[in-house]
N, C-alpha and C. Protein backbone atom coordinates (compact mmCIF):
# COMPACT_ATOMS: atom_id res chain seq x y z
N UNK A 1 89.19 92.64 81.28
CA UNK A 1 87.84 92.02 81.50
C UNK A 1 88.17 91.42 82.73
N UNK A 2 88.04 92.25 83.78
CA UNK A 2 87.84 92.18 85.16
C UNK A 2 87.58 91.84 85.73
N UNK A 3 87.77 89.81 86.86
CA UNK A 3 86.91 89.23 87.28
C UNK A 3 87.17 90.02 89.19
N UNK A 4 85.87 90.24 89.96
CA UNK A 4 86.01 90.22 90.85
C UNK A 4 85.90 88.77 91.88
N UNK A 5 87.41 88.33 92.58
CA UNK A 5 87.13 87.15 93.10
C UNK A 5 87.67 87.97 94.52
N UNK A 6 87.48 88.22 95.47
CA UNK A 6 87.11 89.01 96.41
C UNK A 6 86.36 88.57 96.98
N UNK A 7 86.49 87.55 98.57
CA UNK A 7 85.49 87.57 99.37
C UNK A 7 86.48 87.86 101.18
N UNK A 8 85.47 88.75 101.23
CA UNK A 8 85.99 89.56 102.60
C UNK A 8 86.54 88.43 103.56
N UNK A 9 86.81 89.11 104.66
CA UNK A 9 86.53 88.05 105.84
C UNK A 9 88.27 87.11 106.24
N UNK A 10 88.72 88.03 107.34
CA UNK A 10 90.18 88.45 108.11
C UNK A 10 89.85 86.71 108.96
N UNK A 11 91.04 85.77 108.43
CA UNK A 11 91.17 84.53 109.53
C UNK A 11 91.07 84.66 110.19
N UNK A 12 92.37 85.25 110.07
CA UNK A 12 93.32 84.32 111.73
C UNK A 12 91.82 85.80 112.65
N UNK A 13 91.29 86.77 112.99
CA UNK A 13 90.28 87.47 113.71
C UNK A 13 89.27 86.27 114.10
N UNK A 14 88.90 85.82 112.73
CA UNK A 14 87.64 84.71 113.19
C UNK A 14 87.77 83.72 113.95
N UNK A 15 89.76 83.26 114.04
CA UNK A 15 89.44 81.55 114.25
C UNK A 15 90.49 81.91 115.61
N UNK A 16 90.36 83.73 116.07
CA UNK A 16 90.47 84.01 117.05
C UNK A 16 89.70 84.82 118.01
N UNK A 17 88.46 84.66 117.63
CA UNK A 17 87.67 84.54 118.18
C UNK A 17 87.26 83.59 118.35
N UNK A 18 86.55 82.33 117.91
CA UNK A 18 86.56 80.98 117.71
C UNK A 18 87.48 79.93 119.23
N UNK A 19 88.96 81.24 119.30
CA UNK A 19 89.61 80.55 120.15
C UNK A 19 89.13 81.08 121.81
N UNK A 20 89.23 82.68 121.52
CA UNK A 20 88.79 82.91 122.71
C UNK A 20 87.56 82.41 123.22
N UNK A 21 86.37 82.19 121.63
CA UNK A 21 85.29 81.43 123.38
C UNK A 21 85.59 80.66 123.27
N UNK A 22 85.95 79.99 122.58
CA UNK A 22 86.99 77.82 123.87
C UNK A 22 88.13 78.63 125.20
N UNK A 23 88.77 79.27 124.80
CA UNK A 23 89.20 79.53 125.63
C UNK A 23 89.26 80.82 127.22
N UNK A 24 88.72 81.59 126.49
CA UNK A 24 88.90 82.67 128.04
C UNK A 24 87.38 82.24 127.94
N UNK A 25 86.57 82.53 127.72
CA UNK A 25 84.72 82.30 128.23
C UNK A 25 84.98 81.02 128.20
N UNK A 26 84.67 80.57 127.24
CA UNK A 26 85.00 79.12 128.91
C UNK A 26 85.23 78.88 129.77
N UNK A 27 86.38 79.43 129.87
CA UNK A 27 86.89 78.76 131.53
C UNK A 27 86.62 80.16 132.32
N UNK A 28 86.26 81.37 131.69
CA UNK A 28 85.14 82.09 133.16
C UNK A 28 84.64 82.00 133.47
N UNK A 29 83.04 81.49 132.62
CA UNK A 29 81.93 81.03 132.70
C UNK A 29 81.83 79.40 133.85
N UNK A 30 83.26 79.10 133.31
CA UNK A 30 83.52 77.19 134.80
C UNK A 30 83.66 77.63 135.73
N UNK A 31 84.56 78.72 135.75
CA UNK A 31 85.09 79.42 137.14
C UNK A 31 84.33 80.21 137.91
N UNK A 32 82.93 80.92 137.37
CA UNK A 32 82.73 81.38 138.50
C UNK A 32 81.24 80.17 138.45
N UNK A 33 80.56 79.63 137.70
CA UNK A 33 79.83 77.99 137.88
C UNK A 33 80.05 77.25 139.10
N UNK A 34 81.57 77.54 138.90
CA UNK A 34 82.30 76.92 140.42
C UNK A 34 82.51 77.95 141.28
N UNK A 35 82.50 78.61 141.34
CA UNK A 35 82.17 80.01 142.62
C UNK A 35 81.15 79.99 142.60
N UNK A 36 80.06 80.39 142.29
CA UNK A 36 78.95 80.36 142.64
C UNK A 36 78.42 79.11 144.13
N UNK A 37 78.79 77.46 143.02
CA UNK A 37 78.85 76.50 144.35
C UNK A 37 78.85 76.41 145.31
N UNK A 38 80.31 76.39 145.46
CA UNK A 38 81.60 77.58 146.44
C UNK A 38 80.76 77.53 147.23
N UNK A 39 80.51 78.70 147.00
CA UNK A 39 79.94 79.68 148.05
C UNK A 39 78.15 78.54 148.23
N UNK A 40 77.09 78.29 147.37
CA UNK A 40 75.82 77.61 148.44
C UNK A 40 76.40 76.83 149.25
N UNK A 41 77.48 75.83 148.91
CA UNK A 41 78.19 74.94 150.03
C UNK A 41 78.25 75.80 151.14
N UNK A 42 78.89 77.61 151.02
CA UNK A 42 79.76 77.49 152.85
C UNK A 42 78.30 78.11 152.91
N UNK A 43 77.24 79.17 152.17
CA UNK A 43 76.07 79.45 153.49
C UNK A 43 75.60 77.90 153.29
N UNK A 44 75.03 77.19 152.94
CA UNK A 44 74.62 76.13 153.09
C UNK A 44 74.97 75.37 154.74
N UNK A 45 76.37 75.61 154.41
CA UNK A 45 76.91 74.97 156.79
C UNK A 45 77.17 76.57 157.35
N UNK A 46 77.18 77.06 156.70
CA UNK A 46 76.95 78.32 158.27
C UNK A 46 76.12 79.38 158.16
N UNK A 47 75.29 79.13 157.25
CA UNK A 47 73.40 79.71 157.94
C UNK A 47 72.48 79.13 158.02
N UNK A 48 71.17 79.30 159.13
CA UNK A 48 69.90 78.88 159.23
C UNK A 48 69.17 79.29 158.49
N UNK A 49 68.24 79.22 158.12
CA UNK A 49 66.45 79.14 157.92
C UNK A 49 66.89 79.81 156.86
N UNK A 50 65.26 81.17 156.35
CA UNK A 50 64.52 81.26 155.14
C UNK A 50 66.29 81.81 154.93
N UNK A 51 66.44 83.05 154.65
CA UNK A 51 67.37 83.80 154.14
C UNK A 51 68.91 82.71 153.72
N UNK A 52 68.70 81.92 154.69
CA UNK A 52 70.20 81.06 154.24
C UNK A 52 68.90 79.52 152.33
N UNK A 53 68.49 79.27 152.93
CA UNK A 53 68.26 78.27 152.30
C UNK A 53 67.16 79.61 151.19
N UNK A 54 67.45 80.87 150.52
CA UNK A 54 67.00 81.68 149.12
C UNK A 54 68.32 81.63 148.92
N UNK A 55 69.17 82.26 150.34
CA UNK A 55 70.89 82.18 149.13
C UNK A 55 71.06 80.82 149.02
N UNK A 56 70.97 80.20 149.46
CA UNK A 56 71.69 78.45 148.00
C UNK A 56 71.03 78.46 147.79
N UNK A 57 70.28 79.10 146.37
CA UNK A 57 69.46 78.38 146.19
C UNK A 57 69.58 79.31 144.86
N UNK A 58 69.52 80.84 145.11
CA UNK A 58 69.99 81.47 143.95
C UNK A 58 70.95 81.70 143.62
N UNK A 59 71.86 80.59 144.47
CA UNK A 59 73.67 79.85 143.87
C UNK A 59 73.33 79.51 143.35
N UNK A 60 72.67 78.18 143.91
CA UNK A 60 72.81 77.55 143.05
C UNK A 60 72.54 77.68 141.43
N UNK A 61 71.02 78.01 141.52
CA UNK A 61 70.46 78.99 139.49
C UNK A 61 71.61 80.08 139.30
N UNK A 62 72.39 80.80 139.31
CA UNK A 62 73.61 81.40 139.86
C UNK A 62 74.95 79.97 138.47
N UNK A 63 74.81 79.41 139.24
CA UNK A 63 75.33 78.29 139.39
C UNK A 63 75.21 77.34 137.58
N UNK A 64 74.07 76.67 137.15
CA UNK A 64 73.30 76.63 136.70
C UNK A 64 73.47 77.32 135.55
N UNK A 65 73.53 78.90 135.67
CA UNK A 65 73.23 79.89 134.36
C UNK A 65 74.53 79.25 134.00
N UNK A 66 75.82 79.58 135.48
CA UNK A 66 77.19 79.69 134.11
C UNK A 66 76.90 79.17 133.55
N UNK A 67 76.46 77.24 134.27
CA UNK A 67 76.29 76.35 132.82
C UNK A 67 76.26 76.72 132.44
N UNK A 68 75.21 76.75 131.82
CA UNK A 68 74.64 76.63 130.73
C UNK A 68 75.06 77.83 130.04
N UNK A 69 75.85 78.90 129.97
CA UNK A 69 76.87 79.92 129.75
C UNK A 69 77.86 78.81 128.40
N UNK A 70 78.39 78.13 129.59
CA UNK A 70 79.69 77.83 129.33
C UNK A 70 79.44 77.13 127.85
N UNK A 71 78.52 76.21 128.17
CA UNK A 71 77.99 75.92 126.63
C UNK A 71 77.34 76.45 125.85
N UNK A 72 77.32 77.42 125.82
CA UNK A 72 76.25 78.28 124.85
C UNK A 72 77.96 78.55 124.32
N UNK A 73 78.49 79.77 124.51
CA UNK A 73 80.17 79.97 124.13
C UNK A 73 80.32 78.79 123.42
N UNK A 74 80.57 77.28 124.51
CA UNK A 74 81.24 76.18 122.68
C UNK A 74 80.43 76.13 121.51
N UNK A 75 78.98 76.34 121.79
CA UNK A 75 78.73 75.94 120.48
C UNK A 75 78.96 77.11 119.70
N UNK A 76 79.11 78.22 121.02
CA UNK A 76 79.48 79.32 119.64
C UNK A 76 81.54 79.17 119.36
N UNK A 77 81.35 78.78 119.58
CA UNK A 77 83.29 78.90 119.23
C UNK A 77 83.12 77.51 118.39
N UNK A 78 82.22 76.31 118.70
CA UNK A 78 82.54 75.43 117.41
C UNK A 78 81.60 76.32 116.15
N UNK A 79 80.79 76.81 115.75
CA UNK A 79 80.62 77.60 115.12
C UNK A 79 80.65 78.50 114.09
N UNK A 80 82.17 78.95 114.91
CA UNK A 80 82.78 80.42 114.07
C UNK A 80 83.82 79.39 113.95
N UNK A 81 84.60 78.61 114.66
CA UNK A 81 85.03 77.16 114.04
C UNK A 81 84.78 77.03 112.70
N UNK A 82 83.59 76.66 112.44
CA UNK A 82 83.52 76.30 111.43
C UNK A 82 83.62 76.97 110.33
N UNK A 83 82.75 78.08 110.60
CA UNK A 83 82.70 79.46 109.41
C UNK A 83 84.19 79.49 108.94
N UNK A 84 84.78 79.27 110.02
CA UNK A 84 85.60 80.38 109.61
C UNK A 84 86.76 79.12 108.67
N UNK A 85 86.88 78.08 108.69
CA UNK A 85 87.34 76.40 107.82
C UNK A 85 86.17 77.33 106.07
N UNK A 86 85.26 77.15 106.16
CA UNK A 86 84.37 77.45 105.62
C UNK A 86 84.80 78.49 104.64
N UNK A 87 85.50 79.75 105.40
CA UNK A 87 85.77 80.68 104.49
C UNK A 87 86.59 80.66 104.27
N UNK A 88 88.23 80.18 104.87
CA UNK A 88 89.53 79.34 103.92
C UNK A 88 88.71 78.79 103.42
N UNK A 89 87.82 77.71 103.05
CA UNK A 89 87.78 76.99 101.95
C UNK A 89 88.12 77.75 100.67
N UNK A 90 86.75 79.13 100.82
CA UNK A 90 86.61 79.84 99.92
C UNK A 90 87.76 80.18 99.38
N UNK A 91 87.99 80.50 100.04
CA UNK A 91 89.70 81.61 99.88
C UNK A 91 90.44 80.56 99.91
N UNK A 92 90.24 79.77 99.26
CA UNK A 92 91.05 78.94 98.80
C UNK A 92 91.13 78.58 97.88
N UNK A 93 89.70 78.75 96.72
CA UNK A 93 89.24 78.04 96.62
C UNK A 93 88.75 79.38 94.84
N UNK A 94 88.66 80.35 95.36
CA UNK A 94 88.92 81.66 94.68
C UNK A 94 90.05 82.23 94.06
N UNK A 95 91.14 81.76 95.71
CA UNK A 95 93.01 81.42 93.70
C UNK A 95 93.16 80.54 93.63
N UNK A 96 92.64 79.74 93.31
CA UNK A 96 92.35 78.79 92.41
C UNK A 96 92.45 79.09 91.51
N UNK A 97 90.59 79.61 91.52
CA UNK A 97 90.43 80.14 90.27
C UNK A 97 90.05 81.38 89.88
N UNK A 98 91.33 82.26 89.83
CA UNK A 98 92.76 82.91 89.80
C UNK A 98 93.30 83.12 88.73
N UNK A 99 94.29 82.08 89.45
CA UNK A 99 95.57 81.52 88.36
C UNK A 99 95.09 80.55 87.68
N UNK A 100 93.89 80.29 87.49
CA UNK A 100 93.48 78.75 85.90
C UNK A 100 93.16 80.20 85.42
N UNK A 101 92.25 81.39 85.73
CA UNK A 101 91.66 82.04 84.69
C UNK A 101 93.42 83.25 83.95
N UNK A 102 93.76 83.26 85.31
CA UNK A 102 95.44 84.51 84.01
C UNK A 102 96.42 82.89 84.05
N UNK A 103 96.30 82.35 84.10
CA UNK A 103 96.94 81.00 82.90
C UNK A 103 96.01 81.26 81.39
N UNK A 104 95.00 81.11 81.97
CA UNK A 104 94.21 81.20 80.27
C UNK A 104 94.22 82.51 79.43
N UNK A 105 94.59 83.26 79.98
CA UNK A 105 95.10 84.46 78.95
C UNK A 105 93.90 85.49 79.71
N UNK A 106 93.01 84.91 81.15
CA UNK A 106 92.21 86.79 81.56
C UNK A 106 93.66 87.40 82.04
N UNK A 107 92.98 88.34 82.07
CA UNK A 107 93.98 89.06 83.23
C UNK A 107 92.92 90.60 83.64
């Protein structure tokens, strides 16, 4: 009698995704937010009138959106990492079950 104990999921790839979200995507959004904020300050200092106001408002909205995306990317990284840790535990438990079954004579 065969007992299926396979649990799909490549842990290295999942942990890599969490790392990419946390390190690459978060840093990219943070950098973009900083760039938009800097652009808004430059516009505010050097432009005047309705166009300057509209451009400054737009750059602030863009910076705020990038900060929100930064927060979301962090939350996603935490969730993906938690999933990977749970999957890692399941893999270990499945291996323990197989070892116990083999010790008990089941093959």
